């Protein structure tokens, strides 16, 4: 498979996509019992694919089907597997994917594209504070930076003070970590005179909002820009897409992953409308899937000229919530991302006003009299004035989502601290 750091021109994309889609469908039908059976049950043959619109003849691959694999493992050719990675397991048992050499080559190349898209260049230094291990973050970023010709500081998810110390010593230009880790660094840097060398940040692997991006950029300091990297384990980890310097949605590398955003009837949504994100591999790798229903809700951003080299490649905004993460509270609908916005803004405001007297902030969901009950929970020291803390949270909530919920104070240390992903919402329903 020919793949370069610069993607094909968009005018050549349809013919490339069709050729690759046919190849992957034929390969999966021939080589994997799962897809051989699936195609037969759907009464479809790979030879039925004559044009790109024929992808709709192919059956969806669901998370439930993946979870039903032994050990939730997608590994089509175990003899050629060179590495295994897993998802974070936020919806249950982690999904395991088997990487072949081609998977590492592809993810390294689209990763190099992604880093270049937000201003990275060869000989720049990248500090990696994603974890190294079964989670794809750190190791795939290494593949990408190496492909681009960058220097790498492979530090991993170390304590915050260590990260800052290494930054001061080696003066890296680029930084990658989860938004949670970045926020904790910002809190640590507050009221210090540390000279920050980072100018570019690539952050992802968890929910984060515009408010979080603003908090990180302001916390790191003038000249720093934070960019969203989008991916998922079942499609190779990070670098399915990445924001360019315009910071207006993630360009999706559709020469490698065929993109659909579909409504509840399986029809394409228009630009600006939300639907479910469905992705298909366009290369035959160790964990390739067709029409994989991610469960993520996303919207296509209306086409417009972009000054970056990915101009014309579709851009999406992923809401950071699953399709079914809408629920009713008191007769009206709520979405998880709205409550996550409250958590982000309230945490920042509380730390600004009360310092270390206030700790972690969570939103707890429970069932009360058959309906969803929302409660804001904040860690607070015994010495703090509780009414003042509650007033701040209520004001943030009213300003952010135009309504408020009960506030409960809990002892400092109640919630687990994380340098990786942080679950802002605790669902007890």
Protein backbone atom coordinates (compact mmCIF):
# COMPACT_ATOMS: atom_id res chain seq x y z
CA UNK A 1 0.00 0.00 0.00
CA UNK A 2 1.48 3.31 -1.10
CA UNK A 3 1.05 5.96 1.56
CA UNK A 4 2.89 9.24 1.96
CA UNK A 5 3.11 11.92 4.62
CA UNK A 6 1.21 14.22 2.25
CA UNK A 7 -2.19 12.69 1.39
CA UNK A 8 -3.49 12.26 -2.16
CA UNK A 9 -5.16 15.25 -3.76
CA UNK A 10 -8.89 15.22 -3.05
CA UNK A 11 -9.66 14.96 -6.77
CA UNK A 12 -7.93 11.57 -6.84
CA UNK A 13 -9.55 10.40 -3.62
CA UNK A 14 -12.75 8.70 -4.93
CA UNK A 15 -10.89 6.32 -7.24
CA UNK A 16 -8.35 5.51 -4.51
CA UNK A 17 -11.11 4.87 -1.97
CA UNK A 18 -13.03 2.58 -4.34
CA UNK A 19 -9.96 0.53 -5.23
CA UNK A 20 -8.99 0.12 -1.58
CA UNK A 21 -12.55 -0.62 -0.42
CA UNK A 22 -12.87 -3.43 -2.96
CA UNK A 23 -9.54 -4.89 -1.89
CA UNK A 24 -10.36 -4.82 1.82
CA UNK A 25 -13.83 -6.32 1.31
CA UNK A 26 -12.42 -9.14 -0.82
CA UNK A 27 -9.60 -9.80 1.63
CA UNK A 28 -11.87 -9.91 4.68
CA UNK A 29 -14.43 -12.14 2.96
CA UNK A 30 -11.68 -14.53 1.87
CA UNK A 31 -9.44 -14.53 4.94
CA UNK A 32 -11.76 -14.16 7.95
CA UNK A 33 -14.56 -16.55 8.95
CA UNK A 34 -16.32 -13.65 10.69
CA UNK A 35 -16.78 -11.57 7.53
CA UNK A 36 -17.28 -14.60 5.28
CA UNK A 37 -20.29 -15.53 7.40
CA UNK A 38 -21.43 -11.93 7.79
CA UNK A 39 -21.44 -11.26 4.05
CA UNK A 40 -23.23 -14.54 3.37
CA UNK A 41 -25.96 -13.75 5.91
CA UNK A 42 -26.41 -10.29 4.36
CA UNK A 43 -26.56 -11.89 0.89
CA UNK A 44 -23.81 -9.61 -0.36
CA UNK A 45 -20.58 -10.32 -2.23
CA UNK A 46 -17.51 -8.04 -2.45
CA UNK A 47 -17.95 -8.10 -6.23
CA UNK A 48 -21.20 -6.16 -5.69
CA UNK A 49 -19.12 -3.06 -4.92
CA UNK A 50 -19.08 -1.14 -8.21
CA UNK A 51 -18.94 2.39 -6.85
CA UNK A 52 -18.51 4.07 -3.46
CA UNK A 53 -22.23 4.31 -2.81
CA UNK A 54 -22.32 0.51 -2.81
CA UNK A 55 -20.70 0.54 0.61
CA UNK A 56 -24.26 0.80 1.92
CA UNK A 57 -24.84 -2.76 0.69
CA UNK A 58 -22.33 -3.97 3.27
CA UNK A 59 -23.51 -4.89 6.78
CA UNK A 60 -22.49 -2.88 9.83
CA UNK A 61 -19.96 -4.21 12.31
CA UNK A 62 -21.11 -3.44 15.84
CA UNK A 63 -19.39 -3.06 19.19
CA UNK A 64 -21.53 -5.91 20.48
CA UNK A 65 -20.07 -8.20 17.82
CA UNK A 66 -16.54 -7.12 18.72
CA UNK A 67 -17.27 -7.69 22.42
CA UNK A 68 -18.44 -11.20 21.53
CA UNK A 69 -15.03 -12.15 20.11
CA UNK A 70 -12.94 -14.30 22.50
CA UNK A 71 -11.36 -11.83 24.94
CA UNK A 72 -12.86 -8.97 22.85
CA UNK A 73 -9.99 -9.54 20.44
CA UNK A 74 -9.78 -8.53 16.76
CA UNK A 75 -6.79 -10.41 15.39
CA UNK A 76 -7.33 -11.75 11.88
CA UNK A 77 -3.88 -13.27 11.32
CA UNK A 78 -2.25 -14.22 14.65
CA UNK A 79 0.88 -15.53 12.92
CA UNK A 80 1.57 -12.07 11.51
CA UNK A 81 0.67 -10.14 14.66
CA UNK A 82 3.69 -8.19 15.91
CA UNK A 83 2.04 -6.24 18.72
CA UNK A 84 -1.23 -6.07 20.62
CA UNK A 85 -2.94 -2.96 21.95
CA UNK A 86 -6.17 -2.41 23.85
CA UNK A 87 -8.82 0.24 24.28
CA UNK A 88 -9.31 1.90 27.65
CA UNK A 89 -12.30 -0.28 28.46
CA UNK A 90 -14.62 2.58 29.45
CA UNK A 91 -17.67 0.54 28.35
CA UNK A 92 -16.54 -2.78 29.84
CA UNK A 93 -13.81 -5.23 28.95
CA UNK A 94 -11.08 -3.54 26.85
CA UNK A 95 -11.05 -4.34 23.14
CA UNK A 96 -7.80 -5.93 21.97
CA UNK A 97 -6.47 -5.36 18.46
CA UNK A 98 -3.62 -7.24 16.79
CA UNK A 99 -1.18 -5.02 14.90
CA UNK A 100 0.69 -6.38 11.89
CA UNK A 101 3.65 -4.56 10.35
CA UNK A 102 1.35 -2.77 7.91
CA UNK A 103 -0.72 -1.35 10.78
CA UNK A 104 2.36 0.19 12.40
CA UNK A 105 3.48 1.60 9.06
CA UNK A 106 0.07 3.11 8.31
CA UNK A 107 -0.43 4.61 11.78
CA UNK A 108 3.10 6.00 11.76
CA UNK A 109 2.48 7.69 8.41
CA UNK A 110 -0.95 9.17 9.15
CA UNK A 111 0.44 10.17 12.55
CA UNK A 112 3.27 12.05 10.88
CA UNK A 113 0.70 13.78 8.67
CA UNK A 114 -1.33 14.69 11.73
CA UNK A 115 1.61 16.18 13.61
CA UNK A 116 2.67 18.13 10.52
CA UNK A 117 -0.90 19.39 10.16
CA UNK A 118 -0.65 21.31 13.45
CA UNK A 119 2.79 22.80 12.71
CA UNK A 120 5.30 20.09 13.70
CA UNK A 121 8.46 19.78 11.63
CA UNK A 122 11.41 17.42 11.52
CA UNK A 123 14.11 18.08 14.12
CA UNK A 124 11.55 19.54 16.51
CA UNK A 125 11.44 17.75 19.87
CA UNK A 126 8.26 16.00 21.05
CA UNK A 127 7.69 15.32 24.74
CA UNK A 128 5.37 12.33 25.16
CA UNK A 129 3.34 12.22 28.36
CA UNK A 130 0.82 9.66 27.12
CA UNK A 131 1.20 6.32 28.83
CA UNK A 132 3.31 3.58 27.27
CA UNK A 133 1.84 0.09 27.25
CA UNK A 134 -1.29 -1.63 25.99
CA UNK A 135 -3.01 1.75 25.51
CA UNK A 136 -2.06 2.96 22.02
CA UNK A 137 -1.18 6.54 22.96
CA UNK A 138 2.54 6.73 23.71
CA UNK A 139 3.84 4.07 21.34
CA UNK A 140 1.84 5.23 18.32
CA UNK A 141 2.94 8.83 18.91
CA UNK A 142 6.49 7.49 18.84
CA UNK A 143 5.85 5.86 15.47
CA UNK A 144 4.47 9.13 14.12
CA UNK A 145 7.25 11.38 15.41
CA UNK A 146 9.93 9.00 14.16
CA UNK A 147 8.33 8.96 10.69
CA UNK A 148 8.34 12.75 10.62
CA UNK A 149 11.97 12.96 11.76
CA UNK A 150 11.35 14.50 15.16
CA UNK A 151 13.37 13.99 18.32
CA UNK A 152 11.40 12.15 21.01
CA UNK A 153 11.35 12.45 24.79
CA UNK A 154 9.46 9.19 25.62
CA UNK A 155 8.63 10.06 29.19
CA UNK A 156 5.18 8.55 29.65
CA UNK A 157 2.55 9.47 32.25
CA UNK A 158 5.00 10.46 35.00
CA UNK A 159 4.25 12.70 38.00
CA UNK A 160 3.59 16.30 36.97
CA UNK A 161 6.74 17.72 38.58
CA UNK A 162 8.88 15.29 36.56
CA UNK A 163 7.21 16.35 33.32
CA UNK A 164 7.88 20.02 34.01
CA UNK A 165 11.47 19.29 35.04
CA UNK A 166 12.18 17.47 31.76
CA UNK A 167 10.52 20.26 29.79
CA UNK A 168 12.77 22.83 31.44
CA UNK A 169 15.88 20.73 30.86
CA UNK A 170 15.39 19.78 27.19
CA UNK A 171 13.14 22.63 25.96
CA UNK A 172 10.85 20.54 23.69
CA UNK A 173 8.71 22.41 21.15
CA UNK A 174 5.81 19.95 21.07
CA UNK A 175 3.87 18.18 23.80
CA UNK A 176 1.36 15.34 23.74
CA UNK A 177 -0.75 13.99 26.61
CA UNK A 178 -4.37 13.62 27.65
CA UNK A 179 -6.32 16.81 28.38
CA UNK A 180 -6.57 15.67 32.02
CA UNK A 181 -2.78 15.53 32.31
CA UNK A 182 -2.46 18.92 30.60
CA UNK A 183 -4.94 20.49 33.04
CA UNK A 184 -2.99 19.16 36.01
CA UNK A 185 0.20 20.65 34.59
CA UNK A 186 -1.60 23.99 34.23
CA UNK A 187 -2.65 23.92 37.90
CA UNK A 188 0.93 23.10 38.88
CA UNK A 189 2.36 25.95 36.77
CA UNK A 190 -0.04 28.50 38.20
CA UNK A 191 1.69 31.26 40.18
CA UNK A 192 5.16 30.02 39.15
CA UNK A 193 7.74 31.71 36.97
CA UNK A 194 8.55 28.57 34.95
CA UNK A 195 9.52 29.33 31.36
CA UNK A 196 7.43 26.96 29.22
CA UNK A 197 9.02 25.84 25.93
CA UNK A 198 5.98 24.02 24.49
CA UNK A 199 4.32 25.79 21.56
CA UNK A 200 2.23 22.96 20.10
CA UNK A 201 0.07 20.47 22.01
CA UNK A 202 -1.64 17.37 20.60
CA UNK A 203 -4.26 16.19 23.07
CA UNK A 204 -6.94 13.51 22.97
CA UNK A 205 -7.94 10.02 24.14
CA UNK A 206 -10.78 11.41 26.27
CA UNK A 207 -13.62 13.88 26.36
CA UNK A 208 -12.59 17.51 26.23
CA UNK A 209 -14.47 20.64 25.36
CA UNK A 210 -13.77 24.12 24.05
CA UNK A 211 -13.69 25.29 27.64
CA UNK A 212 -10.98 22.73 28.41
CA UNK A 213 -8.97 23.83 25.38
CA UNK A 214 -9.20 27.45 26.48
CA UNK A 215 -8.15 26.53 30.02
CA UNK A 216 -5.09 24.61 28.76
CA UNK A 217 -3.96 27.27 26.30
CA UNK A 218 -4.25 30.03 28.88
CA UNK A 219 -2.65 27.87 31.57
CA UNK A 220 0.42 26.96 29.51
CA UNK A 221 0.87 30.53 28.35
CA UNK A 222 1.05 32.89 25.35
CA UNK A 223 2.00 31.30 22.05
CA UNK A 224 0.80 27.80 23.00
CA UNK A 225 -1.91 26.15 20.89
CA UNK A 226 -3.75 22.97 21.84
CA UNK A 227 -4.99 20.71 19.02
CA UNK A 228 -7.42 17.81 19.09
CA UNK A 229 -6.21 14.40 17.92
CA UNK A 230 -9.03 11.97 17.21
CA UNK A 231 -8.87 8.21 17.11
CA UNK A 232 -10.03 4.96 18.64
CA UNK A 233 -8.36 1.65 19.35
CA UNK A 234 -10.45 -0.27 16.80
CA UNK A 235 -9.04 1.97 14.06
CA UNK A 236 -5.44 2.00 15.23
CA UNK A 237 -5.50 4.42 18.14
CA UNK A 238 -4.76 8.11 17.64
CA UNK A 239 -4.48 9.82 14.26
CA UNK A 240 -7.71 8.80 12.54
CA UNK A 241 -7.91 12.58 12.29
CA UNK A 242 -6.33 15.75 13.64
CA UNK A 243 -6.99 19.45 13.81
CA UNK A 244 -4.93 21.74 11.62
CA UNK A 245 -3.77 25.19 12.68
CA UNK A 246 -7.24 26.58 11.93
CA UNK A 247 -8.50 24.63 15.00
CA UNK A 248 -11.88 24.08 13.35
CA UNK A 249 -12.58 20.36 13.54
CA UNK A 250 -10.44 17.29 12.88
CA UNK A 251 -9.56 16.44 9.28
CA UNK A 252 -10.21 12.71 8.77
CA UNK A 253 -7.71 10.77 6.65
CA UNK A 254 -10.30 9.33 4.29
CA UNK A 255 -7.73 7.72 2.04
CA UNK A 256 -7.18 5.30 4.95
CA UNK A 257 -10.56 5.31 6.74
CA UNK A 258 -13.84 5.64 4.85
CA UNK A 259 -16.10 8.02 6.76
CA UNK A 260 -19.88 7.94 7.18
CA UNK A 261 -22.00 10.03 9.55
CA UNK A 262 -25.45 8.47 9.67
CA UNK A 263 -28.85 9.18 11.18
CA UNK A 264 -30.94 6.62 13.06
CA UNK A 265 -32.21 5.24 9.72
CA UNK A 266 -28.71 4.67 8.39
CA UNK A 267 -28.86 7.60 5.98
CA UNK A 268 -26.14 10.21 5.52
CA UNK A 269 -26.68 13.39 7.51
CA UNK A 270 -26.10 16.82 6.04
CA UNK A 271 -23.19 19.01 7.07
CA UNK A 272 -23.86 20.56 10.47
CA UNK A 273 -26.18 17.77 11.60
CA UNK A 274 -25.27 15.19 14.20
CA UNK A 275 -25.21 11.47 13.52
CA UNK A 276 -23.35 8.30 14.42
CA UNK A 277 -19.75 8.02 13.25
CA UNK A 278 -19.15 4.91 11.13
CA UNK A 279 -15.63 4.06 9.90
CA UNK A 280 -14.27 1.48 7.48
CA UNK A 281 -10.65 0.43 6.99
CA UNK A 282 -9.31 1.07 3.50
CA UNK A 283 -6.33 -1.20 3.98
CA UNK A 284 -6.07 -4.89 4.91
CA UNK A 285 -4.55 -4.88 8.38
CA UNK A 286 -4.54 -7.11 11.41
CA UNK A 287 -7.78 -5.69 12.82
CA UNK A 288 -9.52 -4.22 9.74
CA UNK A 289 -13.30 -3.77 10.01
CA UNK A 290 -15.95 -2.50 7.60
CA UNK A 291 -18.74 -0.10 8.53
CA UNK A 292 -17.74 -0.14 12.18
CA UNK A 293 -20.43 1.59 14.24
CA UNK A 294 -18.33 3.54 16.75
CA UNK A 295 -21.23 4.71 18.91
CA UNK A 296 -19.74 8.21 18.84
CA UNK A 297 -21.94 11.11 17.92
CA UNK A 298 -20.34 13.55 15.48
CA UNK A 299 -21.15 16.16 12.90
CA UNK A 300 -19.58 17.02 9.59
CA UNK A 301 -18.37 20.59 9.36
CA UNK A 302 -19.55 22.35 6.21
CA UNK A 303 -16.95 22.33 3.44
CA UNK A 304 -14.91 25.46 3.05
CA UNK A 305 -11.45 26.20 1.82
CA UNK A 306 -8.71 25.46 4.33
CA UNK A 307 -5.15 26.72 3.99
CA UNK A 308 -3.62 23.46 5.22
CA UNK A 309 -2.47 20.58 2.99
CA UNK A 310 -5.52 18.54 4.08
CA UNK A 311 -7.92 21.01 2.46
CA UNK A 312 -10.87 19.09 1.08
CA UNK A 313 -10.51 16.21 3.50
CA UNK A 314 -13.70 16.12 5.61
CA UNK A 315 -13.63 17.69 9.04
CA UNK A 316 -15.71 16.47 11.93
CA UNK A 317 -16.53 17.52 15.44
CA UNK A 318 -16.91 14.57 17.79
CA UNK A 319 -19.11 15.42 20.74
CA UNK A 320 -17.22 13.25 23.18
CA UNK A 321 -20.32 11.30 24.05
CA UNK A 322 -21.96 8.16 22.79
CA UNK A 323 -25.12 8.16 20.71
CA UNK A 324 -27.17 6.83 23.62
CA UNK A 325 -25.75 9.27 26.19
CA UNK A 326 -28.81 11.51 26.15
CA UNK A 327 -31.21 11.26 29.06
CA UNK A 328 -34.16 13.01 30.60
CA UNK A 329 -33.93 15.05 33.78
CA UNK A 330 -37.16 16.52 35.08
CA UNK A 331 -38.93 16.06 31.76
CA UNK A 332 -36.28 17.67 29.56
CA UNK A 333 -33.32 16.15 27.73
CA UNK A 334 -29.72 16.51 28.95
CA UNK A 335 -26.50 15.39 27.31
CA UNK A 336 -23.35 14.28 29.08
CA UNK A 337 -21.10 16.81 27.34
CA UNK A 338 -23.12 19.70 28.82
CA UNK A 339 -22.49 18.38 32.33
CA UNK A 340 -18.82 17.81 31.48
CA UNK A 341 -18.61 21.49 30.47
CA UNK A 342 -19.94 22.44 33.91
CA UNK A 343 -17.34 20.21 35.58
CA UNK A 344 -14.45 21.73 33.61
CA UNK A 345 -15.47 25.36 34.14
CA UNK A 346 -16.42 24.87 37.80
CA UNK A 347 -13.14 23.11 38.61
CA UNK A 348 -11.13 25.93 37.07
CA UNK A 349 -13.12 28.61 38.88
CA UNK A 350 -12.99 26.82 42.25
CA UNK A 351 -9.22 26.30 42.08
CA UNK A 352 -8.79 29.95 41.13
CA UNK A 353 -10.80 31.15 44.13
CA UNK A 354 -10.04 28.57 46.80
CA UNK A 355 -6.77 26.95 45.77
CA UNK A 356 -5.92 23.57 47.28
CA UNK A 357 -8.83 23.81 49.74
CA UNK A 358 -10.94 22.39 46.90
CA UNK A 359 -10.05 19.12 45.18
CA UNK A 360 -11.77 17.01 42.52
CA UNK A 361 -15.17 17.79 41.00
CA UNK A 362 -17.55 15.12 39.71
CA UNK A 363 -21.11 14.91 38.45
CA UNK A 364 -22.97 11.91 39.88
CA UNK A 365 -26.00 10.42 38.11
CA UNK A 366 -28.39 8.20 40.02
CA UNK A 367 -32.01 7.08 39.81
CA UNK A 368 -34.56 8.74 42.06
CA UNK A 369 -38.23 7.81 41.84
CA UNK A 370 -37.70 6.30 38.40
CA UNK A 371 -35.95 9.32 36.84
CA UNK A 372 -32.34 10.46 36.48
CA UNK A 373 -31.08 12.51 39.41
CA UNK A 374 -28.07 14.83 38.91
CA UNK A 375 -25.82 15.94 41.75
CA UNK A 376 -22.64 18.03 41.70
CA UNK A 377 -20.03 16.66 44.10
CA UNK A 378 -16.91 18.55 45.08
CA UNK A 379 -14.07 17.69 47.43
CA UNK A 380 -13.62 20.45 50.00
CA UNK A 381 -11.54 20.90 53.16
CA UNK A 382 -13.39 21.16 56.48
CA UNK A 383 -12.13 24.72 56.95
CA UNK A 384 -13.63 26.12 53.79
CA UNK A 385 -16.86 28.08 53.69
CA UNK A 386 -19.22 25.60 52.08
CA UNK A 387 -21.88 28.12 51.08
CA UNK A 388 -19.35 30.12 49.05
CA UNK A 389 -18.27 27.00 47.14
CA UNK A 390 -21.87 26.06 46.39
CA UNK A 391 -22.66 29.56 45.16
CA UNK A 392 -19.78 29.40 42.66
CA UNK A 393 -20.91 26.01 41.32
CA UNK A 394 -24.53 27.09 40.98
CA UNK A 395 -23.52 30.27 39.14
CA UNK A 396 -21.27 28.32 36.74
CA UNK A 397 -24.05 25.81 36.07
CA UNK A 398 -26.67 28.48 35.39
CA UNK A 399 -24.31 30.33 33.06
CA UNK A 400 -23.17 27.16 31.23
CA UNK A 401 -26.38 25.10 30.85
CA UNK A 402 -29.02 27.58 32.13
CA UNK A 403 -30.05 25.37 35.03
CA UNK A 404 -28.61 24.07 38.29
CA UNK A 405 -28.58 20.92 40.40
CA UNK A 406 -27.95 20.06 44.07
CA UNK A 407 -24.38 20.39 45.34
CA UNK A 408 -22.83 17.95 47.81
CA UNK A 409 -19.50 18.41 49.58
CA UNK A 410 -17.30 15.34 50.08
CA UNK A 411 -13.95 14.89 51.88
CA UNK A 412 -10.74 15.62 49.99
CA UNK A 413 -9.40 12.33 48.64
CA UNK A 414 -12.81 10.82 47.87
CA UNK A 415 -12.15 10.61 44.13
CA UNK A 416 -9.23 8.95 42.42
CA UNK A 417 -6.60 11.25 40.89
CA UNK A 418 -5.60 10.34 37.36
CA UNK A 419 -2.80 11.38 35.04
CA UNK A 420 -4.64 9.75 32.15
CA UNK A 421 -8.33 9.82 31.45
CA UNK A 422 -10.60 11.29 34.10
CA UNK A 423 -14.26 10.27 34.31
CA UNK A 424 -15.97 13.55 35.15
CA UNK A 425 -19.37 11.85 35.30
CA UNK A 426 -20.03 8.96 37.68
CA UNK A 427 -23.08 7.05 36.48
CA UNK A 428 -24.73 5.07 39.28
CA UNK A 429 -27.99 4.42 37.47
